N, C-alpha and C. Protein backbone atom coordinates (compact mmCIF):
# COMPACT_ATOMS: atom_id res chain seq x y z
N MET A 1 102.19 153.56 108.14
CA MET A 1 102.05 151.98 107.52
C MET A 1 102.70 151.02 108.12
N SER A 2 102.48 149.90 108.13
CA SER A 2 103.42 148.56 108.49
C SER A 2 103.65 148.16 107.15
N VAL A 3 104.88 147.43 107.17
CA VAL A 3 105.30 146.61 106.04
C VAL A 3 104.03 145.56 105.46
N ASP A 4 103.45 145.24 106.45
CA ASP A 4 102.75 144.03 106.40
C ASP A 4 101.10 144.50 106.18
N THR A 5 101.18 145.92 105.77
CA THR A 5 99.83 146.45 105.35
C THR A 5 99.14 145.54 104.35
N PRO A 6 97.50 144.88 104.47
CA PRO A 6 97.12 144.59 103.74
C PRO A 6 96.52 145.37 102.20
N ARG A 7 96.86 145.33 101.07
CA ARG A 7 96.48 146.22 100.03
C ARG A 7 96.13 145.54 98.79
N ARG A 8 94.93 146.02 98.33
CA ARG A 8 94.39 145.44 97.07
C ARG A 8 94.44 146.45 95.80
N ILE A 9 95.05 145.57 94.85
CA ILE A 9 94.88 146.55 93.15
C ILE A 9 93.69 145.70 92.26
N VAL A 10 93.04 146.65 92.19
CA VAL A 10 91.92 146.12 90.75
C VAL A 10 92.10 146.95 89.82
N LEU A 11 92.39 145.84 88.51
CA LEU A 11 92.80 146.38 87.26
C LEU A 11 91.72 145.92 86.61
N LEU A 12 91.10 147.14 85.94
CA LEU A 12 89.75 147.28 85.28
C LEU A 12 90.24 147.71 84.01
N ARG A 13 89.93 146.83 82.86
CA ARG A 13 90.07 147.10 81.28
C ARG A 13 88.70 147.86 81.02
N HIS A 14 89.24 149.03 80.08
CA HIS A 14 88.03 150.15 79.70
C HIS A 14 87.25 149.14 78.98
N ALA A 15 85.62 149.49 78.85
CA ALA A 15 84.46 148.71 78.08
C ALA A 15 84.97 149.03 76.57
N LYS A 16 84.27 148.17 75.77
CA LYS A 16 84.30 148.18 74.36
C LYS A 16 84.41 149.42 73.93
N ALA A 17 85.29 149.59 72.90
CA ALA A 17 85.35 150.87 71.91
C ALA A 17 84.72 151.01 70.57
N ASP A 18 84.35 151.99 70.03
CA ASP A 18 84.22 152.16 68.95
C ASP A 18 85.06 152.03 68.08
N TRP A 19 84.94 151.65 66.85
CA TRP A 19 85.99 152.04 65.88
C TRP A 19 85.68 153.07 64.81
N ASN A 20 86.29 154.18 64.90
CA ASN A 20 85.88 155.14 64.28
C ASN A 20 87.00 155.87 63.42
N GLN A 21 87.10 157.24 62.91
CA GLN A 21 87.90 157.83 62.25
C GLN A 21 88.67 159.03 63.20
N GLU A 22 88.40 158.81 64.34
CA GLU A 22 88.86 159.29 65.50
C GLU A 22 90.40 158.87 65.72
N SER A 23 91.09 159.70 66.46
CA SER A 23 92.66 159.27 66.62
C SER A 23 92.33 157.95 67.66
N ASP A 24 93.11 157.11 68.10
CA ASP A 24 92.92 156.11 69.04
C ASP A 24 92.72 156.74 70.33
N HIS A 25 93.37 157.65 70.80
CA HIS A 25 93.16 158.27 71.94
C HIS A 25 91.57 158.58 72.15
N GLU A 26 91.26 158.93 71.50
CA GLU A 26 89.94 159.70 71.41
C GLU A 26 88.52 158.94 71.01
N ARG A 27 88.92 157.45 70.78
CA ARG A 27 87.93 156.73 70.26
C ARG A 27 86.81 156.50 71.80
N PRO A 28 85.30 156.74 71.21
CA PRO A 28 84.28 156.57 72.25
C PRO A 28 83.90 155.15 72.56
N LEU A 29 83.23 154.93 73.32
CA LEU A 29 82.86 153.89 73.47
C LEU A 29 81.59 152.96 72.57
N ALA A 30 81.61 152.07 72.40
CA ALA A 30 80.54 151.44 71.70
C ALA A 30 79.22 151.29 72.27
N GLU A 31 78.15 151.00 71.52
CA GLU A 31 76.97 150.70 72.37
C GLU A 31 77.47 149.60 73.51
N ARG A 32 77.66 148.82 73.23
CA ARG A 32 78.04 147.34 73.94
C ARG A 32 78.73 148.17 75.19
N GLY A 33 79.83 148.69 75.26
CA GLY A 33 80.68 149.22 75.84
C GLY A 33 79.83 150.17 77.18
N ARG A 34 78.70 150.94 76.42
CA ARG A 34 78.12 151.50 77.23
C ARG A 34 76.85 150.64 78.06
N THR A 35 76.73 149.50 77.74
CA THR A 35 75.90 148.64 78.18
C THR A 35 76.84 147.95 79.59
N ASP A 36 77.80 147.17 79.06
CA ASP A 36 78.84 146.60 80.01
C ASP A 36 79.48 147.62 81.23
N ALA A 37 79.67 148.72 80.99
CA ALA A 37 80.52 149.77 81.95
C ALA A 37 79.53 149.49 83.30
N PRO A 38 78.68 149.96 83.34
CA PRO A 38 77.59 150.05 84.24
C PRO A 38 77.77 148.23 85.12
N VAL A 39 77.53 147.44 84.15
CA VAL A 39 77.80 145.99 84.89
C VAL A 39 79.04 145.85 85.44
N ALA A 40 79.81 146.20 84.98
CA ALA A 40 81.18 145.96 85.40
C ALA A 40 81.13 146.65 86.88
N GLY A 41 80.61 147.99 86.84
CA GLY A 41 80.73 148.92 88.27
C GLY A 41 79.81 148.02 89.37
N ARG A 42 78.66 147.72 89.00
CA ARG A 42 78.16 146.79 90.24
C ARG A 42 78.80 145.74 90.69
N LYS A 43 79.65 144.93 89.56
CA LYS A 43 80.55 144.03 89.72
C LYS A 43 81.80 144.13 90.85
N LEU A 44 81.99 145.57 90.42
CA LEU A 44 83.16 145.78 91.77
C LEU A 44 82.45 146.22 92.76
N ALA A 45 81.64 146.83 93.16
CA ALA A 45 80.62 147.19 94.04
C ALA A 45 80.31 145.86 95.09
N GLU A 46 79.94 144.70 94.15
CA GLU A 46 79.74 143.86 95.05
C GLU A 46 81.26 142.97 95.78
N THR A 47 82.28 142.99 95.23
CA THR A 47 83.53 142.95 95.87
C THR A 47 83.72 143.39 97.39
N GLY A 48 83.06 144.42 97.32
CA GLY A 48 82.97 144.84 98.94
C GLY A 48 84.25 145.80 99.18
N ILE A 49 85.23 146.06 98.23
CA ILE A 49 86.20 147.05 98.40
C ILE A 49 86.05 148.53 98.12
N GLY A 50 86.38 149.10 99.34
CA GLY A 50 86.33 150.49 99.10
C GLY A 50 87.39 151.29 98.81
N PHE A 51 87.68 151.77 97.42
CA PHE A 51 88.64 151.78 96.79
C PHE A 51 88.98 153.48 97.30
N ASP A 52 90.16 153.77 97.81
CA ASP A 52 90.96 154.88 98.33
C ASP A 52 90.95 155.85 96.98
N LEU A 53 91.50 154.90 95.87
CA LEU A 53 91.95 155.68 94.74
C LEU A 53 91.59 155.43 93.51
N ALA A 54 91.28 155.95 92.37
CA ALA A 54 91.36 155.37 91.17
C ALA A 54 92.39 156.25 90.49
N LEU A 55 93.06 155.46 89.73
CA LEU A 55 93.77 156.14 88.25
C LEU A 55 93.20 155.70 87.14
N CYS A 56 92.75 156.60 86.23
CA CYS A 56 92.12 156.51 84.99
C CYS A 56 92.72 156.74 83.88
N SER A 57 93.27 156.03 82.85
CA SER A 57 93.69 156.80 81.65
C SER A 57 93.07 157.96 81.04
N THR A 58 93.91 158.61 80.60
CA THR A 58 92.92 159.84 79.96
C THR A 58 92.39 159.66 78.35
N ALA A 59 92.47 158.33 77.95
CA ALA A 59 92.10 158.09 76.72
C ALA A 59 90.23 158.43 76.77
N LEU A 60 89.43 158.69 75.94
CA LEU A 60 88.31 158.70 75.91
C LEU A 60 87.57 157.40 76.47
N ARG A 61 87.34 156.38 75.85
CA ARG A 61 87.01 155.17 76.39
C ARG A 61 87.46 154.69 77.66
N THR A 62 88.35 155.19 78.49
CA THR A 62 88.66 154.79 79.88
C THR A 62 87.95 155.86 80.77
N ARG A 63 87.53 156.90 80.16
CA ARG A 63 87.08 158.36 81.12
C ARG A 63 85.48 157.35 80.80
N GLU A 64 85.18 157.34 79.38
CA GLU A 64 83.66 157.16 79.40
C GLU A 64 83.31 155.69 80.35
N THR A 65 84.30 154.77 80.50
CA THR A 65 84.01 153.50 81.27
C THR A 65 83.91 154.09 82.68
N TRP A 66 84.70 154.55 83.03
CA TRP A 66 84.90 155.03 84.86
C TRP A 66 83.60 155.96 85.18
N LYS A 67 83.17 156.74 84.19
CA LYS A 67 82.01 157.65 84.44
C LYS A 67 80.59 156.86 84.50
N LEU A 68 80.33 155.76 84.00
CA LEU A 68 79.49 154.60 83.61
C LEU A 68 79.73 153.84 84.95
N ALA A 69 80.90 153.39 85.04
CA ALA A 69 81.18 152.44 86.31
C ALA A 69 80.94 152.95 87.54
N VAL A 70 81.75 154.11 87.67
CA VAL A 70 81.46 154.80 89.23
C VAL A 70 80.15 155.06 89.94
N HIS A 71 79.46 155.13 89.03
CA HIS A 71 78.03 155.55 89.84
C HIS A 71 77.41 154.28 90.11
N GLU A 72 77.93 153.13 90.22
CA GLU A 72 77.47 151.99 90.36
C GLU A 72 77.94 151.41 92.04
N LEU A 73 79.14 152.31 92.17
CA LEU A 73 79.88 152.14 93.63
C LEU A 73 79.08 152.82 94.83
N PRO A 74 79.27 152.26 95.70
CA PRO A 74 78.71 153.00 97.13
C PRO A 74 79.39 154.38 97.52
N GLN A 75 80.53 154.26 97.12
CA GLN A 75 81.38 155.65 97.30
C GLN A 75 82.35 155.85 96.14
N ARG A 76 82.35 157.27 95.99
CA ARG A 76 83.29 157.29 94.60
C ARG A 76 84.79 157.91 95.10
N PRO A 77 85.69 156.96 94.79
CA PRO A 77 87.06 157.38 95.18
C PRO A 77 87.48 158.84 94.63
N LYS A 78 88.52 159.23 95.25
CA LYS A 78 89.39 160.08 94.41
C LYS A 78 89.78 159.83 93.37
N THR A 79 89.73 160.61 92.36
CA THR A 79 90.12 159.83 90.87
C THR A 79 91.27 160.79 90.28
N VAL A 80 92.33 160.12 89.83
CA VAL A 80 93.46 160.77 89.19
C VAL A 80 93.29 160.33 87.53
N TYR A 81 93.20 161.24 86.65
CA TYR A 81 93.34 160.76 85.32
C TYR A 81 95.08 161.08 85.07
N GLU A 82 95.59 160.11 84.57
CA GLU A 82 96.96 159.81 84.44
C GLU A 82 97.18 159.47 83.18
N GLU A 83 97.88 160.29 82.25
CA GLU A 83 97.86 160.10 80.75
C GLU A 83 99.05 159.41 80.68
N ARG A 84 99.97 158.80 82.11
CA ARG A 84 101.13 157.73 81.49
C ARG A 84 100.43 156.47 81.74
N LEU A 85 99.27 156.08 81.75
CA LEU A 85 98.39 154.73 81.57
C LEU A 85 98.34 154.15 79.98
N TYR A 86 97.85 155.17 79.61
CA TYR A 86 97.67 155.05 78.19
C TYR A 86 99.31 154.54 77.31
N GLU A 87 98.95 153.54 76.89
CA GLU A 87 100.05 152.45 75.97
C GLU A 87 101.17 152.51 76.97
N ALA A 88 101.10 152.39 78.21
CA ALA A 88 102.21 152.09 79.12
C ALA A 88 102.41 150.44 78.95
N SER A 89 103.54 150.21 79.20
CA SER A 89 104.36 148.94 79.49
C SER A 89 104.11 148.30 80.91
N ILE A 90 104.49 147.07 81.04
CA ILE A 90 104.22 146.79 82.44
C ILE A 90 105.25 147.39 83.17
N GLY A 91 106.27 147.42 82.86
CA GLY A 91 107.34 148.29 83.80
C GLY A 91 107.27 149.68 83.80
N GLU A 92 106.18 150.47 83.37
CA GLU A 92 105.88 151.84 83.64
C GLU A 92 104.83 151.61 84.37
N LEU A 93 103.69 150.37 84.25
CA LEU A 93 102.70 150.34 85.18
C LEU A 93 102.65 150.00 86.59
N ILE A 94 104.07 149.39 86.58
CA ILE A 94 104.52 148.87 88.03
C ILE A 94 105.11 150.42 88.70
N ALA A 95 105.80 151.04 87.86
CA ALA A 95 106.51 152.39 88.37
C ALA A 95 105.33 153.20 88.97
N LEU A 96 104.11 153.20 87.96
CA LEU A 96 103.07 153.87 88.66
C LEU A 96 102.55 154.00 89.63
N LEU A 97 102.46 152.08 89.94
CA LEU A 97 101.92 151.84 91.33
C LEU A 97 102.63 151.86 92.25
N ASN A 98 104.15 151.93 91.99
CA ASN A 98 105.26 152.36 93.08
C ASN A 98 105.05 153.70 93.68
N GLU A 99 104.46 154.74 92.70
CA GLU A 99 104.25 156.10 93.44
C GLU A 99 102.72 156.35 93.91
N THR A 100 102.04 155.19 94.29
CA THR A 100 101.34 155.55 94.91
C THR A 100 101.13 155.59 96.31
N PRO A 101 100.44 156.77 96.87
CA PRO A 101 100.86 157.48 98.63
C PRO A 101 100.54 156.12 99.49
N GLU A 102 101.20 156.22 100.39
CA GLU A 102 101.36 154.94 101.33
C GLU A 102 99.60 154.68 102.02
N ASP A 103 98.85 156.11 102.19
CA ASP A 103 97.65 155.92 102.88
C ASP A 103 96.98 155.31 102.10
N VAL A 104 96.96 154.99 101.13
CA VAL A 104 96.38 154.16 99.90
C VAL A 104 95.76 152.35 100.13
N ASP A 105 95.13 151.84 100.67
CA ASP A 105 95.00 150.36 100.81
C ASP A 105 94.24 149.94 99.57
N ASP A 106 93.35 150.64 99.11
CA ASP A 106 92.79 149.84 98.17
C ASP A 106 92.72 150.66 96.86
N LEU A 107 93.47 150.18 95.68
CA LEU A 107 93.62 151.05 94.33
C LEU A 107 92.90 150.54 93.08
N LEU A 108 92.51 151.44 92.45
CA LEU A 108 91.82 150.80 91.36
C LEU A 108 92.31 151.79 90.05
N VAL A 109 92.96 150.56 88.82
CA VAL A 109 93.44 151.47 87.69
C VAL A 109 92.51 151.05 86.60
N ILE A 110 92.16 151.92 85.99
CA ILE A 110 90.98 151.53 84.66
C ILE A 110 92.04 152.09 83.07
N GLY A 111 92.32 151.06 82.82
CA GLY A 111 93.33 150.98 81.42
C GLY A 111 93.45 150.30 80.46
N HIS A 112 94.10 149.84 79.78
CA HIS A 112 94.02 149.10 78.39
C HIS A 112 94.68 147.90 78.17
N ASN A 113 94.59 146.89 77.20
CA ASN A 113 95.18 145.93 77.18
C ASN A 113 95.98 146.51 76.04
N PRO A 114 97.11 145.76 76.20
CA PRO A 114 97.70 144.55 76.71
C PRO A 114 98.03 144.87 78.24
N GLY A 115 98.51 145.95 78.44
CA GLY A 115 98.67 146.57 79.81
C GLY A 115 98.22 145.96 81.29
N MET A 116 96.75 146.34 81.18
CA MET A 116 96.07 145.47 82.37
C MET A 116 96.10 143.97 82.26
N HIS A 117 96.18 143.06 81.34
CA HIS A 117 96.36 141.75 81.56
C HIS A 117 97.76 141.31 81.64
N GLY A 118 98.58 142.04 81.15
CA GLY A 118 99.92 141.63 81.32
C GLY A 118 100.46 142.21 82.80
N LEU A 119 100.13 143.11 83.52
CA LEU A 119 100.14 143.73 84.69
C LEU A 119 99.91 142.71 85.85
N ALA A 120 98.62 142.42 85.37
CA ALA A 120 97.87 141.27 86.25
C ALA A 120 98.56 140.06 86.32
N ASP A 121 99.15 139.42 85.13
CA ASP A 121 100.06 138.27 84.93
C ASP A 121 101.14 138.41 85.84
N ALA A 122 101.91 139.50 85.53
CA ALA A 122 103.09 139.84 85.95
C ALA A 122 102.99 139.90 87.74
N LEU A 123 102.08 140.63 88.29
CA LEU A 123 102.01 140.81 89.64
C LEU A 123 101.58 139.36 90.38
N ALA A 124 100.86 138.63 89.77
CA ALA A 124 100.37 137.25 90.24
C ALA A 124 101.53 136.27 90.64
N GLY A 125 101.84 135.96 91.79
CA GLY A 125 102.53 135.32 92.11
C GLY A 125 102.30 134.13 92.45
N ASP A 126 100.61 134.04 92.91
CA ASP A 126 99.89 132.55 92.83
C ASP A 126 98.40 133.39 92.53
N ALA A 127 97.62 132.37 92.79
CA ALA A 127 95.81 132.82 92.54
C ALA A 127 94.81 131.86 93.41
N GLU A 128 93.77 132.42 93.69
CA GLU A 128 93.04 131.54 94.10
C GLU A 128 92.08 130.91 93.06
N GLY A 129 91.76 129.48 93.47
CA GLY A 129 90.89 128.97 92.72
C GLY A 129 91.51 128.66 91.21
N ASP A 130 90.42 129.14 90.37
CA ASP A 130 90.85 129.12 88.86
C ASP A 130 90.96 130.43 88.22
N ALA A 131 91.07 131.15 89.17
CA ALA A 131 91.10 132.70 88.49
C ALA A 131 91.90 133.13 87.36
N GLN A 132 93.27 132.34 87.68
CA GLN A 132 94.29 132.62 86.83
C GLN A 132 94.39 132.13 85.55
N SER A 133 93.47 130.68 85.76
CA SER A 133 93.61 130.30 84.22
C SER A 133 92.37 130.60 83.52
N ARG A 134 91.50 131.13 84.23
CA ARG A 134 90.01 131.95 83.53
C ARG A 134 90.72 133.26 82.76
N MET A 135 91.58 133.88 83.36
CA MET A 135 91.92 135.09 83.20
C MET A 135 92.95 134.92 81.84
N ASN A 136 93.77 134.19 81.85
CA ASN A 136 94.71 133.58 80.71
C ASN A 136 93.59 133.05 79.32
N ARG A 137 92.97 132.22 80.20
CA ARG A 137 91.84 131.73 78.72
C ARG A 137 90.80 132.73 77.82
N SER A 138 90.54 134.05 79.21
CA SER A 138 89.58 134.89 78.35
C SER A 138 90.76 135.96 77.86
N GLY A 139 91.54 136.15 77.79
CA GLY A 139 92.56 137.34 77.38
C GLY A 139 92.40 138.49 77.89
N PHE A 140 91.33 138.51 78.80
CA PHE A 140 91.36 139.81 79.64
C PHE A 140 90.36 140.62 78.86
N PRO A 141 89.04 140.45 78.50
CA PRO A 141 88.27 141.12 77.65
C PRO A 141 88.15 142.36 77.97
N THR A 142 87.29 143.26 77.25
CA THR A 142 86.82 144.81 77.48
C THR A 142 85.58 144.59 78.68
N SER A 143 85.93 145.48 79.94
CA SER A 143 85.20 145.59 80.91
C SER A 143 85.53 144.60 81.94
N ALA A 144 86.39 143.85 81.92
CA ALA A 144 86.92 142.53 82.72
C ALA A 144 87.70 143.18 83.66
N PHE A 145 87.80 142.64 84.89
CA PHE A 145 88.66 143.31 85.69
C PHE A 145 89.62 141.93 86.67
N ALA A 146 90.74 142.32 87.16
CA ALA A 146 91.27 141.47 88.05
C ALA A 146 91.44 142.08 89.49
N VAL A 147 91.39 141.39 90.53
CA VAL A 147 91.53 141.69 91.95
C VAL A 147 92.99 141.05 92.54
N LEU A 148 93.72 141.74 92.94
CA LEU A 148 94.92 141.29 93.36
C LEU A 148 95.43 141.92 94.58
N ALA A 149 95.81 140.77 95.93
CA ALA A 149 96.03 141.63 97.25
C ALA A 149 97.82 141.35 97.39
N PHE A 150 98.02 142.02 98.14
CA PHE A 150 99.31 141.93 98.27
C PHE A 150 99.50 142.87 99.91
N ASP A 151 100.74 142.49 100.63
CA ASP A 151 101.43 142.74 101.72
C ASP A 151 102.46 143.66 101.54
N GLY A 152 102.28 144.88 102.07
CA GLY A 152 103.48 145.80 102.17
C GLY A 152 103.39 146.93 101.31
N SER A 153 104.39 147.86 101.11
CA SER A 153 104.66 148.87 100.77
C SER A 153 103.85 149.20 99.00
N TRP A 154 103.77 150.20 98.70
CA TRP A 154 103.26 150.67 97.13
C TRP A 154 104.57 150.56 96.45
N LYS A 155 105.77 150.95 97.32
CA LYS A 155 107.12 151.01 96.70
C LYS A 155 107.83 149.54 96.83
N SER A 156 107.01 148.51 97.22
CA SER A 156 107.54 147.03 97.23
C SER A 156 106.87 146.21 95.66
N VAL A 157 106.01 146.84 95.25
CA VAL A 157 105.34 146.26 94.18
C VAL A 157 106.25 145.76 93.23
N GLU A 158 106.50 144.61 92.86
CA GLU A 158 107.16 144.13 91.70
C GLU A 158 106.60 142.83 91.20
N HIS A 159 107.20 142.23 90.19
CA HIS A 159 106.69 140.79 89.63
C HIS A 159 106.83 139.81 90.69
N HIS A 160 105.26 139.07 90.51
CA HIS A 160 104.94 138.23 91.86
C HIS A 160 104.74 138.47 93.15
N VAL A 161 104.49 139.95 93.28
CA VAL A 161 104.36 140.22 94.81
C VAL A 161 103.24 140.08 95.41
N ALA A 162 102.14 139.61 94.56
CA ALA A 162 100.49 139.92 94.68
C ALA A 162 99.89 138.44 94.57
N ARG A 163 98.74 138.10 94.91
CA ARG A 163 97.99 137.05 94.94
C ARG A 163 96.59 137.09 94.16
N LEU A 164 96.37 136.85 92.81
CA LEU A 164 95.06 136.97 92.32
C LEU A 164 93.88 136.62 93.04
N VAL A 165 92.91 136.98 93.46
CA VAL A 165 92.00 136.68 94.18
C VAL A 165 90.84 136.59 93.62
N GLN A 166 90.48 137.44 92.38
CA GLN A 166 89.44 137.27 91.84
C GLN A 166 89.70 137.74 90.30
N PHE A 167 88.92 137.08 89.44
CA PHE A 167 88.92 137.77 88.16
C PHE A 167 87.39 137.59 87.49
N TRP A 168 87.06 138.45 87.12
CA TRP A 168 85.80 138.65 86.38
C TRP A 168 85.70 139.48 85.07
N ALA A 169 84.95 138.84 84.28
CA ALA A 169 84.87 139.25 82.60
C ALA A 169 83.11 139.13 82.54
N PRO A 170 82.65 140.33 81.66
CA PRO A 170 80.95 140.58 81.72
C PRO A 170 80.61 139.31 80.65
N HIS A 171 81.38 138.53 79.65
CA HIS A 171 80.34 137.75 78.77
C HIS A 171 80.99 136.42 79.00
N ASP A 172 81.50 135.99 80.06
CA ASP A 172 82.43 134.95 80.49
C ASP A 172 81.55 133.59 80.77
């Protein structure tokens, strides 16, 4: 792969979770989450991105979100359930991105806030249209996703390396 290989990272926040007596890691989706996750999947399909790999947090709400969203995609990408996505800092998330195999052009990450919002904000050196102001105004709600594009290797991913090309939220 060339250093100029165009790549995309899509950061999807899990759908709305229920607050119950379970541990935070085992919180299931709320009814609204079960409705919003397939909508997010359809919107992901509309981007036309053919994901090569999906990294999904091991938390129940992210796994349930992915299960409902992936059925809306034209092709199911290889999925890796990654426990390090749960409660990860921006630095830890960038380190995970740096581990992405070089044969992956388009990566989907299903995770949590504040990580998804913080990572999108950290990676975006610039943005198309009003995507960044919309993302920051909304606070990256549940089921929202950001599409970032960059050229280069996964090992080169760092702050301000990407362009925020799209931001979508279900109740925006």
